[in-house]
């Protein structure tokens, strides 16, 4: 069991497997607190965060607060978005650090959009 438990809305940096087999550290947004798979292993259900998205964003891109000086609650310094069709399971051992969080109203909006998409 992890020593730190993260909650919905937390933004984390996690070392995730890349599609080419390599690992990449990327930001993710926690959707739900710790869960367990069928084998009992813990994970967090998250969505990936990206800095690469169009302006205006596509419906699957949910822009998050950011600030060039890092003063936003997210801790992010670039224009960023949660990618709503990029839902991933993150093992607690893959978490590198907590960057910040999004306010509860934003995580509620994201969850409402995910429910509409049946993800």
C-alpha atoms as a PDB file:
ATOM      1  CA  UNK A   1       0.000   0.000   0.000  1.00  0.00           C
ATOM      2  CA  UNK A   2       1.359   3.448  -0.849  1.00  0.00           C
ATOM      3  CA  UNK A   3       2.509   5.671   2.004  1.00  0.00           C
ATOM      4  CA  UNK A   4       0.832   8.705   0.409  1.00  0.00           C
ATOM      5  CA  UNK A   5      -2.684   8.439  -0.958  1.00  0.00           C
ATOM      6  CA  UNK A   6      -3.718  10.848  -3.665  1.00  0.00           C
ATOM      7  CA  UNK A   7      -7.247  12.076  -4.218  1.00  0.00           C
ATOM      8  CA  UNK A   8      -9.395  13.084  -7.185  1.00  0.00           C
ATOM      9  CA  UNK A   9      -8.102  16.306  -8.688  1.00  0.00           C
ATOM     10  CA  UNK A  10      -4.463  15.763  -7.755  1.00  0.00           C
ATOM     11  CA  UNK A  11      -1.995  16.329 -10.579  1.00  0.00           C
ATOM     12  CA  UNK A  12       0.946  13.950 -10.481  1.00  0.00           C
ATOM     13  CA  UNK A  13       4.085  13.264 -12.477  1.00  0.00           C
ATOM     14  CA  UNK A  14       4.281   9.572 -13.266  1.00  0.00           C
ATOM     15  CA  UNK A  15       6.779   7.396 -15.112  1.00  0.00           C
ATOM     16  CA  UNK A  16       4.602   5.602 -17.637  1.00  0.00           C
ATOM     17  CA  UNK A  17       5.255   3.061 -20.368  1.00  0.00           C
ATOM     18  CA  UNK A  18       5.447   4.674 -23.773  1.00  0.00           C
ATOM     19  CA  UNK A  19       3.940   2.989 -26.847  1.00  0.00           C
ATOM     20  CA  UNK A  20       7.468   2.036 -27.948  1.00  0.00           C
ATOM     21  CA  UNK A  21       8.291   0.237 -24.718  1.00  0.00           C
ATOM     22  CA  UNK A  22      10.261   3.096 -23.155  1.00  0.00           C
ATOM     23  CA  UNK A  23       9.177   4.981 -20.059  1.00  0.00           C
ATOM     24  CA  UNK A  24       8.269   8.657 -20.074  1.00  0.00           C
ATOM     25  CA  UNK A  25       7.541  10.919 -17.130  1.00  0.00           C
ATOM     26  CA  UNK A  26       4.325  12.791 -17.829  1.00  0.00           C
ATOM     27  CA  UNK A  27       1.658  14.637 -15.857  1.00  0.00           C
ATOM     28  CA  UNK A  28      -1.621  12.905 -15.080  1.00  0.00           C
ATOM     29  CA  UNK A  29      -4.829  13.970 -13.350  1.00  0.00           C
ATOM     30  CA  UNK A  30      -6.266  11.620 -10.707  1.00  0.00           C
ATOM     31  CA  UNK A  31      -9.951  10.833 -11.330  1.00  0.00           C
ATOM     32  CA  UNK A  32     -10.533   8.495  -8.377  1.00  0.00           C
ATOM     33  CA  UNK A  33      -8.725   7.557  -5.200  1.00  0.00           C
ATOM     34  CA  UNK A  34      -6.853   4.283  -4.909  1.00  0.00           C
ATOM     35  CA  UNK A  35      -8.552   1.245  -6.428  1.00  0.00           C
ATOM     36  CA  UNK A  36      -7.537  -2.400  -6.713  1.00  0.00           C
ATOM     37  CA  UNK A  37      -7.532  -4.694  -9.712  1.00  0.00           C
ATOM     38  CA  UNK A  38      -8.751  -8.304  -9.672  1.00  0.00           C
ATOM     39  CA  UNK A  39      -5.381  -9.463  -8.275  1.00  0.00           C
ATOM     40  CA  UNK A  40      -5.563  -6.899  -5.474  1.00  0.00           C
ATOM     41  CA  UNK A  41      -2.849  -4.595  -6.853  1.00  0.00           C
ATOM     42  CA  UNK A  42      -3.469  -0.883  -6.219  1.00  0.00           C
ATOM     43  CA  UNK A  43      -3.796   1.725  -8.957  1.00  0.00           C
ATOM     44  CA  UNK A  44      -5.128   5.202  -9.601  1.00  0.00           C
ATOM     45  CA  UNK A  45      -7.490   5.857 -12.493  1.00  0.00           C
ATOM     46  CA  UNK A  46      -6.171   8.980 -14.236  1.00  0.00           C
ATOM     47  CA  UNK A  47      -6.275  10.935 -17.463  1.00  0.00           C
ATOM     48  CA  UNK A  48      -3.103  12.017 -19.195  1.00  0.00           C
ATOM     49  CA  UNK A  49      -2.261  15.696 -19.470  1.00  0.00           C
ATOM     50  CA  UNK A  50      -0.746  17.205 -22.611  1.00  0.00           C
ATOM     51  CA  UNK A  51       0.694  20.494 -23.798  1.00  0.00           C
ATOM     52  CA  UNK A  52       0.050  19.513 -27.423  1.00  0.00           C
ATOM     53  CA  UNK A  53      -3.514  20.363 -28.425  1.00  0.00           C
ATOM     54  CA  UNK A  54      -5.183  22.771 -30.856  1.00  0.00           C
ATOM     55  CA  UNK A  55      -6.609  26.221 -30.201  1.00  0.00           C
ATOM     56  CA  UNK A  56      -9.512  26.013 -29.758  1.00  0.00           C
ATOM     57  CA  UNK A  57      -9.268  22.625 -28.043  1.00  0.00           C
ATOM     58  CA  UNK A  58     -11.059  19.541 -29.352  1.00  0.00           C
ATOM     59  CA  UNK A  59     -14.003  18.274 -27.251  1.00  0.00           C
ATOM     60  CA  UNK A  60     -11.713  15.586 -25.758  1.00  0.00           C
ATOM     61  CA  UNK A  61      -9.246  18.223 -24.490  1.00  0.00           C
ATOM     62  CA  UNK A  62     -10.234  19.862 -21.197  1.00  0.00           C
ATOM     63  CA  UNK A  63      -8.063  22.925 -20.564  1.00  0.00           C
ATOM     64  CA  UNK A  64      -6.716  23.196 -17.034  1.00  0.00           C
ATOM     65  CA  UNK A  65      -5.564  26.248 -15.071  1.00  0.00           C
ATOM     66  CA  UNK A  66      -1.898  27.160 -15.529  1.00  0.00           C
ATOM     67  CA  UNK A  67       0.398  30.091 -14.947  1.00  0.00           C
ATOM     68  CA  UNK A  68       3.836  30.859 -16.423  1.00  0.00           C
ATOM     69  CA  UNK A  69       5.134  31.612 -12.919  1.00  0.00           C
ATOM     70  CA  UNK A  70       3.718  28.369 -11.467  1.00  0.00           C
ATOM     71  CA  UNK A  71       1.218  30.121  -9.188  1.00  0.00           C
ATOM     72  CA  UNK A  72      -1.829  28.194 -10.440  1.00  0.00           C
ATOM     73  CA  UNK A  73      -3.102  25.447  -8.133  1.00  0.00           C
ATOM     74  CA  UNK A  74      -2.088  22.909 -10.780  1.00  0.00           C
ATOM     75  CA  UNK A  75       1.587  23.801 -10.461  1.00  0.00           C
ATOM     76  CA  UNK A  76       1.758  23.788 -14.255  1.00  0.00           C
ATOM     77  CA  UNK A  77       3.574  26.497 -16.224  1.00  0.00           C
ATOM     78  CA  UNK A  78       2.354  25.840 -19.774  1.00  0.00           C
ATOM     79  CA  UNK A  79      -0.999  25.774 -21.556  1.00  0.00           C
ATOM     80  CA  UNK A  80      -2.224  22.288 -20.786  1.00  0.00           C
ATOM     81  CA  UNK A  81      -5.238  20.023 -21.127  1.00  0.00           C
ATOM     82  CA  UNK A  82      -6.510  16.780 -19.680  1.00  0.00           C
ATOM     83  CA  UNK A  83      -7.081  14.354 -22.558  1.00  0.00           C
ATOM     84  CA  UNK A  84     -10.464  12.797 -21.802  1.00  0.00           C
ATOM     85  CA  UNK A  85     -10.054   9.809 -24.105  1.00  0.00           C
ATOM     86  CA  UNK A  86      -6.629   8.940 -22.627  1.00  0.00           C
ATOM     87  CA  UNK A  87      -7.700   7.224 -19.408  1.00  0.00           C
ATOM     88  CA  UNK A  88      -4.911   5.221 -17.781  1.00  0.00           C
ATOM     89  CA  UNK A  89      -4.225   3.144 -14.702  1.00  0.00           C
ATOM     90  CA  UNK A  90      -1.234   4.403 -12.746  1.00  0.00           C
ATOM     91  CA  UNK A  91       0.515   2.080 -10.328  1.00  0.00           C
ATOM     92  CA  UNK A  92       1.535   3.942  -7.139  1.00  0.00           C
ATOM     93  CA  UNK A  93       5.150   2.879  -7.775  1.00  0.00           C
ATOM     94  CA  UNK A  94       5.093   4.893 -11.041  1.00  0.00           C
ATOM     95  CA  UNK A  95       4.356   8.182  -9.258  1.00  0.00           C
ATOM     96  CA  UNK A  96       7.333  10.534  -9.183  1.00  0.00           C
ATOM     97  CA  UNK A  97       5.822  13.627  -7.521  1.00  0.00           C
ATOM     98  CA  UNK A  98       2.691  15.633  -6.880  1.00  0.00           C
ATOM     99  CA  UNK A  99       2.603  18.846  -8.923  1.00  0.00           C
ATOM    100  CA  UNK A 100      -0.627  20.391  -7.688  1.00  0.00           C
ATOM    101  CA  UNK A 101      -4.361  19.965  -7.959  1.00  0.00           C
ATOM    102  CA  UNK A 102      -7.438  21.191  -9.764  1.00  0.00           C
ATOM    103  CA  UNK A 103     -10.353  22.640  -7.792  1.00  0.00           C
ATOM    104  CA  UNK A 104     -13.242  20.290  -6.993  1.00  0.00           C
ATOM    105  CA  UNK A 105     -15.547  22.038  -9.472  1.00  0.00           C
ATOM    106  CA  UNK A 106     -13.150  21.211 -12.330  1.00  0.00           C
ATOM    107  CA  UNK A 107     -12.876  17.531 -11.423  1.00  0.00           C
ATOM    108  CA  UNK A 108     -16.699  17.427 -11.265  1.00  0.00           C
ATOM    109  CA  UNK A 109     -16.889  18.964 -14.765  1.00  0.00           C
ATOM    110  CA  UNK A 110     -14.351  16.460 -16.085  1.00  0.00           C
ATOM    111  CA  UNK A 111     -16.198  13.513 -14.521  1.00  0.00           C
ATOM    112  CA  UNK A 112     -19.488  14.776 -16.011  1.00  0.00           C
ATOM    113  CA  UNK A 113     -17.890  14.917 -19.462  1.00  0.00           C
ATOM    114  CA  UNK A 114     -16.421  11.441 -19.012  1.00  0.00           C
ATOM    115  CA  UNK A 115     -19.844  10.081 -18.007  1.00  0.00           C
ATOM    116  CA  UNK A 116     -21.335  11.543 -21.213  1.00  0.00           C
ATOM    117  CA  UNK A 117     -18.626   9.713 -23.157  1.00  0.00           C
ATOM    118  CA  UNK A 118     -19.180   6.511 -21.143  1.00  0.00           C
ATOM    119  CA  UNK A 119     -15.463   6.189 -20.391  1.00  0.00           C
END
